[in-house]
């Protein structure tokens, strides 16, 4: 391997580790939120597409909203609305859902909603 290939492989490895840790954190937070809100099947938080249906259940939104989650740009608004409803389900102010669009702060929101009292 030459230097460029090894640097690219190292960068890809760091990328995969970062997003793997981020996925585990988000899935754990969503599973904890589902457990605390007495939502059925909290283990769905670990399955990539099924976790959207779990979020819809926690937020008490209709299942057809899943289609809106797939539409570019519309999905940003829908996920903010979902997280606002999830915050309300956890008895937190709904504006916590809006914080998801703020860089870096958006990483804290799922953990706060899951593990704060």
PDB file of N, CA and C in Angstrom:
ATOM      1  N   UNK A   1       0.836  -1.191   0.000  1.00  0.00           N
ATOM      2  CA  UNK A   1       0.000   0.000   0.000  1.00  0.00           C
ATOM      3  C   UNK A   1       0.871   1.241   0.000  1.00  0.00           C
ATOM      4  N   UNK A   2       0.488   2.188  -0.789  1.00  0.00           N
ATOM      5  CA  UNK A   2       1.225   3.436  -0.759  1.00  0.00           C
ATOM      6  C   UNK A   2       0.644   4.358   0.308  1.00  0.00           C
ATOM      7  N   UNK A   3       1.228   5.514   0.487  1.00  0.00           N
ATOM      8  CA  UNK A   3       0.848   6.430   1.560  1.00  0.00           C
ATOM      9  C   UNK A   3      -0.578   6.937   1.413  1.00  0.00           C
ATOM     10  N   UNK A   4      -0.972   7.265   0.184  1.00  0.00           N
ATOM     11  CA  UNK A   4      -2.329   7.777  -0.023  1.00  0.00           C
ATOM     12  C   UNK A   4      -3.384   6.732   0.303  1.00  0.00           C
ATOM     13  N   UNK A   5      -3.147   5.507  -0.079  1.00  0.00           N
ATOM     14  CA  UNK A   5      -4.105   4.435   0.194  1.00  0.00           C
ATOM     15  C   UNK A   5      -4.241   4.180   1.681  1.00  0.00           C
ATOM     16  N   UNK A   6      -3.133   4.182   2.392  1.00  0.00           N
ATOM     17  CA  UNK A   6      -3.204   3.939   3.828  1.00  0.00           C
ATOM     18  C   UNK A   6      -3.859   5.112   4.559  1.00  0.00           C
ATOM     19  N   UNK A   7      -3.624   6.340   4.085  1.00  0.00           N
ATOM     20  CA  UNK A   7      -4.291   7.499   4.694  1.00  0.00           C
ATOM     21  C   UNK A   7      -5.790   7.439   4.451  1.00  0.00           C
ATOM     22  N   UNK A   8      -6.188   7.047   3.255  1.00  0.00           N
ATOM     23  CA  UNK A   8      -7.603   6.920   2.921  1.00  0.00           C
ATOM     24  C   UNK A   8      -8.264   5.822   3.747  1.00  0.00           C
ATOM     25  N   UNK A   9      -7.556   4.711   3.923  1.00  0.00           N
ATOM     26  CA  UNK A   9      -8.089   3.622   4.735  1.00  0.00           C
ATOM     27  C   UNK A   9      -8.233   4.052   6.199  1.00  0.00           C
ATOM     28  N   UNK A  10      -7.263   4.791   6.696  1.00  0.00           N
ATOM     29  CA  UNK A  10      -7.346   5.289   8.072  1.00  0.00           C
ATOM     30  C   UNK A  10      -8.484   6.274   8.250  1.00  0.00           C
ATOM     31  N   UNK A  11      -8.678   7.153   7.264  1.00  0.00           N
ATOM     32  CA  UNK A  11      -9.768   8.121   7.319  1.00  0.00           C
ATOM     33  C   UNK A  11     -11.122   7.419   7.270  1.00  0.00           C
ATOM     34  N   UNK A  12     -11.238   6.412   6.429  1.00  0.00           N
ATOM     35  CA  UNK A  12     -12.470   5.634   6.345  1.00  0.00           C
ATOM     36  C   UNK A  12     -12.736   4.905   7.658  1.00  0.00           C
ATOM     37  N   UNK A  13     -11.687   4.372   8.265  1.00  0.00           N
ATOM     38  CA  UNK A  13     -11.833   3.689   9.547  1.00  0.00           C
ATOM     39  C   UNK A  13     -12.322   4.638  10.634  1.00  0.00           C
ATOM     40  N   UNK A  14     -11.761   5.839  10.696  1.00  0.00           N
ATOM     41  CA  UNK A  14     -12.209   6.823  11.689  1.00  0.00           C
ATOM     42  C   UNK A  14     -13.653   7.229  11.433  1.00  0.00           C
ATOM     43  N   UNK A  15     -14.016   7.373  10.183  1.00  0.00           N
ATOM     44  CA  UNK A  15     -15.378   7.723   9.787  1.00  0.00           C
ATOM     45  C   UNK A  15     -16.359   6.648  10.270  1.00  0.00           C
ATOM     46  N   UNK A  16     -16.018   5.389  10.028  1.00  0.00           N
ATOM     47  CA  UNK A  16     -16.886   4.293  10.441  1.00  0.00           C
ATOM     48  C   UNK A  16     -17.003   4.198  11.961  1.00  0.00           C
ATOM     49  N   UNK A  17     -15.917   4.411  12.679  1.00  0.00           N
ATOM     50  CA  UNK A  17     -15.959   4.374  14.140  1.00  0.00           C
ATOM     51  C   UNK A  17     -16.829   5.512  14.669  1.00  0.00           C
ATOM     52  N   UNK A  18     -16.647   6.731  14.134  1.00  0.00           N
ATOM     53  CA  UNK A  18     -17.419   7.886  14.588  1.00  0.00           C
ATOM     54  C   UNK A  18     -18.914   7.660  14.387  1.00  0.00           C
ATOM     55  N   UNK A  19     -19.292   7.251  13.191  1.00  0.00           N
ATOM     56  CA  UNK A  19     -20.715   7.057  12.923  1.00  0.00           C
ATOM     57  C   UNK A  19     -21.274   5.815  13.612  1.00  0.00           C
ATOM     58  N   UNK A  20     -20.440   4.838  13.875  1.00  0.00           N
ATOM     59  CA  UNK A  20     -20.879   3.683  14.658  1.00  0.00           C
ATOM     60  C   UNK A  20     -21.198   4.070  16.092  1.00  0.00           C
ATOM     61  N   UNK A  21     -20.331   4.865  16.704  1.00  0.00           N
ATOM     62  CA  UNK A  21     -20.565   5.338  18.072  1.00  0.00           C
ATOM     63  C   UNK A  21     -21.806   6.228  18.105  1.00  0.00           C
ATOM     64  N   UNK A  22     -21.962   7.097  17.112  1.00  0.00           N
ATOM     65  CA  UNK A  22     -23.129   7.975  17.035  1.00  0.00           C
ATOM     66  C   UNK A  22     -24.420   7.169  16.897  1.00  0.00           C
ATOM     67  N   UNK A  23     -24.389   6.097  16.096  1.00  0.00           N
ATOM     68  CA  UNK A  23     -25.565   5.239  15.919  1.00  0.00           C
ATOM     69  C   UNK A  23     -25.928   4.533  17.229  1.00  0.00           C
ATOM     70  N   UNK A  24     -24.927   4.004  17.920  1.00  0.00           N
ATOM     71  CA  UNK A  24     -25.174   3.309  19.187  1.00  0.00           C
ATOM     72  C   UNK A  24     -25.752   4.270  20.220  1.00  0.00           C
ATOM     73  N   UNK A  25     -25.197   5.472  20.301  1.00  0.00           N
ATOM     74  CA  UNK A  25     -25.690   6.488  21.240  1.00  0.00           C
ATOM     75  C   UNK A  25     -27.146   6.834  20.951  1.00  0.00           C
ATOM     76  N   UNK A  26     -27.473   7.081  19.678  1.00  0.00           N
ATOM     77  CA  UNK A  26     -28.835   7.453  19.307  1.00  0.00           C
ATOM     78  C   UNK A  26     -29.803   6.303  19.543  1.00  0.00           C
ATOM     79  N   UNK A  27     -29.399   5.088  19.201  1.00  0.00           N
ATOM     80  CA  UNK A  27     -30.279   3.933  19.405  1.00  0.00           C
ATOM     81  C   UNK A  27     -30.527   3.692  20.894  1.00  0.00           C
ATOM     82  N   UNK A  28     -29.493   3.817  21.714  1.00  0.00           N
ATOM     83  CA  UNK A  28     -29.668   3.664  23.162  1.00  0.00           C
ATOM     84  C   UNK A  28     -30.596   4.733  23.723  1.00  0.00           C
ATOM     85  N   UNK A  29     -30.412   5.973  23.266  1.00  0.00           N
ATOM     86  CA  UNK A  29     -31.265   7.065  23.744  1.00  0.00           C
ATOM     87  C   UNK A  29     -32.713   6.836  23.330  1.00  0.00           C
ATOM     88  N   UNK A  30     -32.935   6.451  22.082  1.00  0.00           N
ATOM     89  CA  UNK A  30     -34.295   6.227  21.594  1.00  0.00           C
ATOM     90  C   UNK A  30     -34.944   5.044  22.309  1.00  0.00           C
ATOM     91  N   UNK A  31     -34.169   3.998  22.571  1.00  0.00           N
ATOM     92  CA  UNK A  31     -34.704   2.848  23.293  1.00  0.00           C
ATOM     93  C   UNK A  31     -35.077   3.235  24.728  1.00  0.00           C
ATOM     94  N   UNK A  32     -34.248   4.056  25.364  1.00  0.00           N
ATOM     95  CA  UNK A  32     -34.538   4.519  26.726  1.00  0.00           C
ATOM     96  C   UNK A  32     -35.783   5.395  26.742  1.00  0.00           C
ATOM     97  N   UNK A  33     -35.912   6.280  25.758  1.00  0.00           N
ATOM     98  CA  UNK A  33     -37.103   7.132  25.664  1.00  0.00           C
ATOM     99  C   UNK A  33     -38.349   6.273  25.486  1.00  0.00           C
ATOM    100  N   UNK A  34     -38.271   5.266  24.611  1.00  0.00           N
ATOM    101  CA  UNK A  34     -39.414   4.383  24.378  1.00  0.00           C
ATOM    102  C   UNK A  34     -39.792   3.623  25.648  1.00  0.00           C
ATOM    103  N   UNK A  35     -38.791   3.180  26.399  1.00  0.00           N
ATOM    104  CA  UNK A  35     -39.054   2.473  27.645  1.00  0.00           C
ATOM    105  C   UNK A  35     -39.722   3.390  28.664  1.00  0.00           C
ATOM    106  N   UNK A  36     -39.210   4.614  28.783  1.00  0.00           N
ATOM    107  CA  UNK A  36     -39.756   5.554  29.770  1.00  0.00           C
ATOM    108  C   UNK A  36     -41.145   6.064  29.399  1.00  0.00           C
ATOM    109  N   UNK A  37     -41.493   6.022  28.100  1.00  0.00           N
ATOM    110  CA  UNK A  37     -42.828   6.450  27.683  1.00  0.00           C
ATOM    111  C   UNK A  37     -43.777   5.267  27.521  1.00  0.00           C
ATOM    112  N   UNK A  38     -43.335   4.087  27.950  1.00  0.00           N
ATOM    113  CA  UNK A  38     -44.137   2.853  27.863  1.00  0.00           C
ATOM    114  C   UNK A  38     -44.608   2.557  26.442  1.00  0.00           C
ATOM    115  N   UNK A  39     -43.736   2.790  25.478  1.00  0.00           N
ATOM    116  CA  UNK A  39     -44.029   2.472  24.083  1.00  0.00           C
ATOM    117  C   UNK A  39     -43.641   1.025  23.827  1.00  0.00           C
ATOM    118  N   UNK A  40     -44.491   0.327  23.077  1.00  0.00           N
ATOM    119  CA  UNK A  40     -44.226  -1.082  22.791  1.00  0.00           C
ATOM    120  C   UNK A  40     -43.000  -1.225  21.893  1.00  0.00           C
ATOM    121  N   UNK A  41     -42.307  -2.332  22.043  1.00  0.00           N
ATOM    122  CA  UNK A  41     -41.162  -2.730  21.223  1.00  0.00           C
ATOM    123  C   UNK A  41     -40.042  -1.692  21.185  1.00  0.00           C
ATOM    124  N   UNK A  42     -39.463  -1.333  22.326  1.00  0.00           N
ATOM    125  CA  UNK A  42     -38.373  -0.345  22.305  1.00  0.00           C
ATOM    126  C   UNK A  42     -37.130  -0.835  21.571  1.00  0.00           C
ATOM    127  N   UNK A  43     -36.991  -2.139  21.363  1.00  0.00           N
ATOM    128  CA  UNK A  43     -35.851  -2.701  20.648  1.00  0.00           C
ATOM    129  C   UNK A  43     -35.827  -2.267  19.184  1.00  0.00           C
ATOM    130  N   UNK A  44     -36.946  -1.726  18.671  1.00  0.00           N
ATOM    131  CA  UNK A  44     -36.966  -1.242  17.285  1.00  0.00           C
ATOM    132  C   UNK A  44     -35.991  -0.084  17.072  1.00  0.00           C
ATOM    133  N   UNK A  45     -35.520   0.511  18.145  1.00  0.00           N
ATOM    134  CA  UNK A  45     -34.558   1.610  18.041  1.00  0.00           C
ATOM    135  C   UNK A  45     -33.263   1.164  17.364  1.00  0.00           C
ATOM    136  N   UNK A  46     -32.968  -0.118  17.390  1.00  0.00           N
ATOM    137  CA  UNK A  46     -31.720  -0.632  16.829  1.00  0.00           C
ATOM    138  C   UNK A  46     -31.825  -0.986  15.349  1.00  0.00           C
ATOM    139  N   UNK A  47     -33.028  -0.995  14.789  1.00  0.00           N
ATOM    140  CA  UNK A  47     -33.228  -1.371  13.384  1.00  0.00           C
ATOM    141  C   UNK A  47     -33.399  -0.088  12.569  1.00  0.00           C
ATOM    142  N   UNK A  48     -32.534   0.145  11.565  1.00  0.00           N
ATOM    143  CA  UNK A  48     -32.483   1.437  10.879  1.00  0.00           C
ATOM    144  C   UNK A  48     -33.798   2.028  10.380  1.00  0.00           C
ATOM    145  N   UNK A  49     -34.642   1.340   9.694  1.00  0.00           N
ATOM    146  CA  UNK A  49     -35.881   1.948   9.205  1.00  0.00           C
ATOM    147  C   UNK A  49     -36.982   1.855  10.261  1.00  0.00           C
ATOM    148  N   UNK A  50     -36.964   0.786  11.016  1.00  0.00           N
ATOM    149  CA  UNK A  50     -37.993   0.578  12.038  1.00  0.00           C
ATOM    150  C   UNK A  50     -37.918   1.621  13.145  1.00  0.00           C
ATOM    151  N   UNK A  51     -36.742   2.210  13.362  1.00  0.00           N
ATOM    152  CA  UNK A  51     -36.639   3.207  14.424  1.00  0.00           C
ATOM    153  C   UNK A  51     -37.457   4.460  14.109  1.00  0.00           C
ATOM    154  N   UNK A  52     -37.703   4.726  12.852  1.00  0.00           N
ATOM    155  CA  UNK A  52     -38.567   5.858  12.482  1.00  0.00           C
ATOM    156  C   UNK A  52     -40.004   5.556  12.911  1.00  0.00           C
ATOM    157  N   UNK A  53     -40.437   4.315  12.708  1.00  0.00           N
ATOM    158  CA  UNK A  53     -41.782   3.933  13.159  1.00  0.00           C
ATOM    159  C   UNK A  53     -41.892   4.005  14.684  1.00  0.00           C
ATOM    160  N   UNK A  54     -40.807   3.659  15.381  1.00  0.00           N
ATOM    161  CA  UNK A  54     -40.793   3.780  16.835  1.00  0.00           C
ATOM    162  C   UNK A  54     -40.916   5.244  17.248  1.00  0.00           C
ATOM    163  N   UNK A  55     -40.211   6.123  16.562  1.00  0.00           N
ATOM    164  CA  UNK A  55     -40.318   7.555  16.854  1.00  0.00           C
ATOM    165  C   UNK A  55     -41.744   8.051  16.624  1.00  0.00           C
ATOM    166  N   UNK A  56     -42.379   7.574  15.564  1.00  0.00           N
ATOM    167  CA  UNK A  56     -43.766   7.961  15.288  1.00  0.00           C
ATOM    168  C   UNK A  56     -44.698   7.482  16.400  1.00  0.00           C
ATOM    169  N   UNK A  57     -44.448   6.284  16.925  1.00  0.00           N
ATOM    170  CA  UNK A  57     -45.266   5.769  18.030  1.00  0.00           C
ATOM    171  C   UNK A  57     -45.076   6.596  19.289  1.00  0.00           C
ATOM    172  N   UNK A  58     -43.834   6.930  19.610  1.00  0.00           N
ATOM    173  CA  UNK A  58     -43.563   7.732  20.810  1.00  0.00           C
ATOM    174  C   UNK A  58     -44.232   9.098  20.680  1.00  0.00           C
ATOM    175  N   UNK A  59     -44.137   9.697  19.484  1.00  0.00           N
ATOM    176  CA  UNK A  59     -44.691  11.036  19.255  1.00  0.00           C
ATOM    177  C   UNK A  59     -46.197  11.012  19.020  1.00  0.00           C
ATOM    178  N   UNK A  60     -46.759   9.803  18.927  1.00  0.00           N
ATOM    179  CA  UNK A  60     -48.204   9.634  18.671  1.00  0.00           C
ATOM    180  C   UNK A  60     -48.631  10.307  17.360  1.00  0.00           C
ATOM    181  N   UNK A  61     -47.842  10.051  16.325  1.00  0.00           N
ATOM    182  CA  UNK A  61     -48.140  10.556  14.982  1.00  0.00           C
ATOM    183  C   UNK A  61     -48.566   9.373  14.113  1.00  0.00           C
ATOM    184  N   UNK A  62     -49.356   9.639  13.063  1.00  0.00           N
ATOM    185  CA  UNK A  62     -49.818   8.545  12.197  1.00  0.00           C
ATOM    186  C   UNK A  62     -48.671   7.901  11.411  1.00  0.00           C
ATOM    187  N   UNK A  63     -48.854   6.638  11.073  1.00  0.00           N
ATOM    188  CA  UNK A  63     -47.833   5.880  10.359  1.00  0.00           C
ATOM    189  C   UNK A  63     -47.497   6.405   8.977  1.00  0.00           C
ATOM    190  N   UNK A  64     -48.442   7.087   8.326  1.00  0.00           N
ATOM    191  CA  UNK A  64     -48.157   7.584   6.982  1.00  0.00           C
ATOM    192  C   UNK A  64     -47.134   8.720   6.998  1.00  0.00           C
ATOM    193  N   UNK A  65     -46.825   9.272   8.166  1.00  0.00           N
ATOM    194  CA  UNK A  65     -45.777  10.285   8.268  1.00  0.00           C
ATOM    195  C   UNK A  65     -44.424   9.711   7.880  1.00  0.00           C
ATOM    196  N   UNK A  66     -44.312   8.371   7.898  1.00  0.00           N
ATOM    197  CA  UNK A  66     -43.061   7.731   7.473  1.00  0.00           C
ATOM    198  C   UNK A  66     -42.698   8.168   6.065  1.00  0.00           C
ATOM    199  N   UNK A  67     -43.689   8.286   5.201  1.00  0.00           N
ATOM    200  CA  UNK A  67     -43.441   8.718   3.814  1.00  0.00           C
ATOM    201  C   UNK A  67     -42.863  10.127   3.801  1.00  0.00           C
ATOM    202  N   UNK A  68     -43.366  10.993   4.676  1.00  0.00           N
ATOM    203  CA  UNK A  68     -42.838  12.354   4.754  1.00  0.00           C
ATOM    204  C   UNK A  68     -41.384  12.364   5.220  1.00  0.00           C
ATOM    205  N   UNK A  69     -40.995  11.376   5.999  1.00  0.00           N
ATOM    206  CA  UNK A  69     -39.612  11.274   6.468  1.00  0.00           C
ATOM    207  C   UNK A  69     -38.655  10.927   5.335  1.00  0.00           C
ATOM    208  N   UNK A  70     -39.171  10.449   4.228  1.00  0.00           N
ATOM    209  CA  UNK A  70     -38.337  10.069   3.088  1.00  0.00           C
ATOM    210  C   UNK A  70     -38.195  11.180   2.059  1.00  0.00           C
ATOM    211  N   UNK A  71     -38.979  12.243   2.170  1.00  0.00           N
ATOM    212  CA  UNK A  71     -38.964  13.337   1.201  1.00  0.00           C
ATOM    213  C   UNK A  71     -37.879  14.344   1.595  1.00  0.00           C
ATOM    214  N   UNK A  72     -36.916  14.592   0.716  1.00  0.00           N
ATOM    215  CA  UNK A  72     -35.855  15.547   1.043  1.00  0.00           C
ATOM    216  C   UNK A  72     -36.415  16.925   1.399  1.00  0.00           C
ATOM    217  N   UNK A  73     -35.777  17.585   2.325  1.00  0.00           N
ATOM    218  CA  UNK A  73     -36.127  18.898   2.881  1.00  0.00           C
ATOM    219  C   UNK A  73     -37.380  18.838   3.748  1.00  0.00           C
ATOM    220  N   UNK A  74     -38.402  18.120   3.303  1.00  0.00           N
ATOM    221  CA  UNK A  74     -39.598  17.949   4.129  1.00  0.00           C
ATOM    222  C   UNK A  74     -39.224  17.155   5.377  1.00  0.00           C
ATOM    223  N   UNK A  75     -38.319  16.187   5.203  1.00  0.00           N
ATOM    224  CA  UNK A  75     -37.945  15.335   6.336  1.00  0.00           C
ATOM    225  C   UNK A  75     -37.283  16.123   7.465  1.00  0.00           C
ATOM    226  N   UNK A  76     -36.606  17.211   7.152  1.00  0.00           N
ATOM    227  CA  UNK A  76     -35.999  18.028   8.207  1.00  0.00           C
ATOM    228  C   UNK A  76     -37.087  18.599   9.111  1.00  0.00           C
ATOM    229  N   UNK A  77     -38.121  19.152   8.493  1.00  0.00           N
ATOM    230  CA  UNK A  77     -39.241  19.715   9.256  1.00  0.00           C
ATOM    231  C   UNK A  77     -39.959  18.618  10.034  1.00  0.00           C
ATOM    232  N   UNK A  78     -40.185  17.483   9.402  1.00  0.00           N
ATOM    233  CA  UNK A  78     -40.904  16.383  10.049  1.00  0.00           C
ATOM    234  C   UNK A  78     -40.128  15.860  11.256  1.00  0.00           C
ATOM    235  N   UNK A  79     -38.805  15.692  11.110  1.00  0.00           N
ATOM    236  CA  UNK A  79     -38.028  15.183  12.241  1.00  0.00           C
ATOM    237  C   UNK A  79     -37.979  16.188  13.389  1.00  0.00           C
ATOM    238  N   UNK A  80     -37.966  17.478  13.083  1.00  0.00           N
ATOM    239  CA  UNK A  80     -38.028  18.479  14.156  1.00  0.00           C
ATOM    240  C   UNK A  80     -39.369  18.379  14.873  1.00  0.00           C
ATOM    241  N   UNK A  81     -40.454  18.243  14.109  1.00  0.00           N
ATOM    242  CA  UNK A  81     -41.784  18.097  14.717  1.00  0.00           C
ATOM    243  C   UNK A  81     -41.853  16.819  15.545  1.00  0.00           C
ATOM    244  N   UNK A  82     -41.277  15.728  15.021  1.00  0.00           N
ATOM    245  CA  UNK A  82     -41.256  14.464  15.768  1.00  0.00           C
ATOM    246  C   UNK A  82     -40.513  14.614  17.086  1.00  0.00           C
ATOM    247  N   UNK A  83     -39.323  15.208  17.045  1.00  0.00           N
ATOM    248  CA  UNK A  83     -38.550  15.358  18.272  1.00  0.00           C
ATOM    249  C   UNK A  83     -39.221  16.320  19.244  1.00  0.00           C
ATOM    250  N   UNK A  84     -39.950  17.310  18.728  1.00  0.00           N
ATOM    251  CA  UNK A  84     -40.715  18.199  19.614  1.00  0.00           C
ATOM    252  C   UNK A  84     -41.795  17.395  20.343  1.00  0.00           C
ATOM    253  N   UNK A  85     -42.482  16.514  19.611  1.00  0.00           N
ATOM    254  CA  UNK A  85     -43.522  15.675  20.230  1.00  0.00           C
ATOM    255  C   UNK A  85     -42.911  14.652  21.182  1.00  0.00           C
ATOM    256  N   UNK A  86     -41.724  14.142  20.849  1.00  0.00           N
ATOM    257  CA  UNK A  86     -41.035  13.204  21.743  1.00  0.00           C
ATOM    258  C   UNK A  86     -40.638  13.921  23.031  1.00  0.00           C
ATOM    259  N   UNK A  87     -40.186  15.167  22.919  1.00  0.00           N
ATOM    260  CA  UNK A  87     -39.853  15.949  24.115  1.00  0.00           C
ATOM    261  C   UNK A  87     -41.091  16.138  24.987  1.00  0.00           C
ATOM    262  N   UNK A  88     -42.234  16.424  24.369  1.00  0.00           N
ATOM    263  CA  UNK A  88     -43.472  16.572  25.132  1.00  0.00           C
ATOM    264  C   UNK A  88     -43.882  15.255  25.783  1.00  0.00           C
ATOM    265  N   UNK A  89     -43.636  14.129  25.088  1.00  0.00           N
ATOM    266  CA  UNK A  89     -43.947  12.821  25.673  1.00  0.00           C
ATOM    267  C   UNK A  89     -43.088  12.546  26.903  1.00  0.00           C
ATOM    268  N   UNK A  90     -41.902  13.150  26.957  1.00  0.00           N
ATOM    269  CA  UNK A  90     -41.014  13.007  28.118  1.00  0.00           C
ATOM    270  C   UNK A  90     -41.219  14.130  29.132  1.00  0.00           C
ATOM    271  N   UNK A  91     -42.295  14.918  28.950  1.00  0.00           N
ATOM    272  CA  UNK A  91     -42.619  16.036  29.841  1.00  0.00           C
ATOM    273  C   UNK A  91     -41.522  17.097  29.882  1.00  0.00           C
ATOM    274  N   UNK A  92     -40.936  17.353  28.728  1.00  0.00           N
ATOM    275  CA  UNK A  92     -39.937  18.407  28.561  1.00  0.00           C
ATOM    276  C   UNK A  92     -40.534  19.467  27.631  1.00  0.00           C
ATOM    277  N   UNK A  93     -39.992  20.673  27.635  1.00  0.00           N
ATOM    278  CA  UNK A  93     -40.493  21.695  26.704  1.00  0.00           C
ATOM    279  C   UNK A  93     -40.279  21.258  25.257  1.00  0.00           C
ATOM    280  N   UNK A  94     -41.244  21.563  24.407  1.00  0.00           N
ATOM    281  CA  UNK A  94     -41.164  21.101  23.019  1.00  0.00           C
ATOM    282  C   UNK A  94     -40.031  21.766  22.248  1.00  0.00           C
ATOM    283  N   UNK A  95     -39.545  22.907  22.692  1.00  0.00           N
ATOM    284  CA  UNK A  95     -38.473  23.577  21.959  1.00  0.00           C
ATOM    285  C   UNK A  95     -37.179  22.772  21.943  1.00  0.00           C
ATOM    286  N   UNK A  96     -37.083  21.739  22.787  1.00  0.00           N
ATOM    287  CA  UNK A  96     -35.899  20.872  22.729  1.00  0.00           C
ATOM    288  C   UNK A  96     -35.779  20.195  21.371  1.00  0.00           C
ATOM    289  N   UNK A  97     -36.914  19.943  20.724  1.00  0.00           N
ATOM    290  CA  UNK A  97     -36.885  19.346  19.392  1.00  0.00           C
ATOM    291  C   UNK A  97     -36.280  20.264  18.349  1.00  0.00           C
ATOM    292  N   UNK A  98     -36.457  21.561  18.523  1.00  0.00           N
ATOM    293  CA  UNK A  98     -35.904  22.534  17.581  1.00  0.00           C
ATOM    294  C   UNK A  98     -34.379  22.562  17.667  1.00  0.00           C
ATOM    295  N   UNK A  99     -33.848  22.257  18.837  1.00  0.00           N
ATOM    296  CA  UNK A  99     -32.394  22.289  19.025  1.00  0.00           C
ATOM    297  C   UNK A  99     -31.659  21.258  18.174  1.00  0.00           C
ATOM    298  N   UNK A 100     -32.385  20.298  17.611  1.00  0.00           N
ATOM    299  CA  UNK A 100     -31.726  19.283  16.774  1.00  0.00           C
ATOM    300  C   UNK A 100     -31.073  19.877  15.543  1.00  0.00           C
ATOM    301  N   UNK A 101     -31.551  21.007  15.077  1.00  0.00           N
ATOM    302  CA  UNK A 101     -30.973  21.586  13.863  1.00  0.00           C
ATOM    303  C   UNK A 101     -29.741  22.443  14.162  1.00  0.00           C
ATOM    304  N   UNK A 102     -29.426  22.636  15.448  1.00  0.00           N
ATOM    305  CA  UNK A 102     -28.227  23.386  15.830  1.00  0.00           C
ATOM    306  C   UNK A 102     -27.052  22.411  15.866  1.00  0.00           C
ATOM    307  N   UNK A 103     -25.998  22.673  15.086  1.00  0.00           N
ATOM    308  CA  UNK A 103     -24.850  21.760  15.069  1.00  0.00           C
ATOM    309  C   UNK A 103     -24.279  21.526  16.465  1.00  0.00           C
ATOM    310  N   UNK A 104     -23.863  20.332  16.732  1.00  0.00           N
ATOM    311  CA  UNK A 104     -23.308  19.837  17.990  1.00  0.00           C
ATOM    312  C   UNK A 104     -24.320  19.805  19.130  1.00  0.00           C
ATOM    313  N   UNK A 105     -25.150  20.811  19.272  1.00  0.00           N
ATOM    314  CA  UNK A 105     -26.181  20.794  20.314  1.00  0.00           C
ATOM    315  C   UNK A 105     -27.183  19.682  20.005  1.00  0.00           C
ATOM    316  N   UNK A 106     -27.428  19.453  18.714  1.00  0.00           N
ATOM    317  CA  UNK A 106     -28.346  18.405  18.299  1.00  0.00           C
ATOM    318  C   UNK A 106     -27.918  17.014  18.734  1.00  0.00           C
ATOM    319  N   UNK A 107     -26.631  16.852  19.011  1.00  0.00           N
ATOM    320  CA  UNK A 107     -26.146  15.558  19.497  1.00  0.00           C
ATOM    321  C   UNK A 107     -26.525  15.335  20.960  1.00  0.00           C
ATOM    322  N   UNK A 108     -26.723  16.394  21.693  1.00  0.00           N
ATOM    323  CA  UNK A 108     -27.018  16.294  23.122  1.00  0.00           C
ATOM    324  C   UNK A 108     -28.500  16.010  23.375  1.00  0.00           C
ATOM    325  N   UNK A 109     -29.365  16.489  22.486  1.00  0.00           N
ATOM    326  CA  UNK A 109     -30.812  16.421  22.706  1.00  0.00           C
ATOM    327  C   UNK A 109     -31.325  15.001  22.961  1.00  0.00           C
ATOM    328  N   UNK A 110     -31.005  14.000  22.124  1.00  0.00           N
ATOM    329  CA  UNK A 110     -31.537  12.657  22.412  1.00  0.00           C
ATOM    330  C   UNK A 110     -31.107  12.131  23.780  1.00  0.00           C
ATOM    331  N   UNK A 111     -29.861  12.384  24.158  1.00  0.00           N
ATOM    332  CA  UNK A 111     -29.378  11.937  25.468  1.00  0.00           C
ATOM    333  C   UNK A 111     -30.089  12.656  26.603  1.00  0.00           C
ATOM    334  N   UNK A 112     -30.295  13.954  26.453  1.00  0.00           N
ATOM    335  CA  UNK A 112     -31.005  14.716  27.487  1.00  0.00           C
ATOM    336  C   UNK A 112     -32.423  14.191  27.658  1.00  0.00           C
ATOM    337  N   UNK A 113     -33.108  13.973  26.543  1.00  0.00           N
ATOM    338  CA  UNK A 113     -34.489  13.492  26.623  1.00  0.00           C
ATOM    339  C   UNK A 113     -34.552  12.075  27.192  1.00  0.00           C
ATOM    340  N   UNK A 114     -33.519  11.299  26.982  1.00  0.00           N
ATOM    341  CA  UNK A 114     -33.524   9.911  27.465  1.00  0.00           C
ATOM    342  C   UNK A 114     -33.155   9.805  28.930  1.00  0.00           C
ATOM    343  N   UNK A 115     -32.096  10.500  29.342  1.00  0.00           N
ATOM    344  CA  UNK A 115     -31.532  10.211  30.654  1.00  0.00           C
ATOM    345  C   UNK A 115     -31.722  11.316  31.694  1.00  0.00           C
ATOM    346  N   UNK A 116     -32.461  12.359  31.369  1.00  0.00           N
ATOM    347  CA  UNK A 116     -32.744  13.365  32.403  1.00  0.00           C
ATOM    348  C   UNK A 116     -34.083  13.048  33.069  1.00  0.00           C
ATOM    349  N   UNK A 117     -34.265  13.545  34.261  1.00  0.00           N
ATOM    350  CA  UNK A 117     -35.529  13.302  34.961  1.00  0.00           C
ATOM    351  C   UNK A 117     -36.393  14.516  34.988  1.00  0.00           C
TER     352      UNK A 117
END
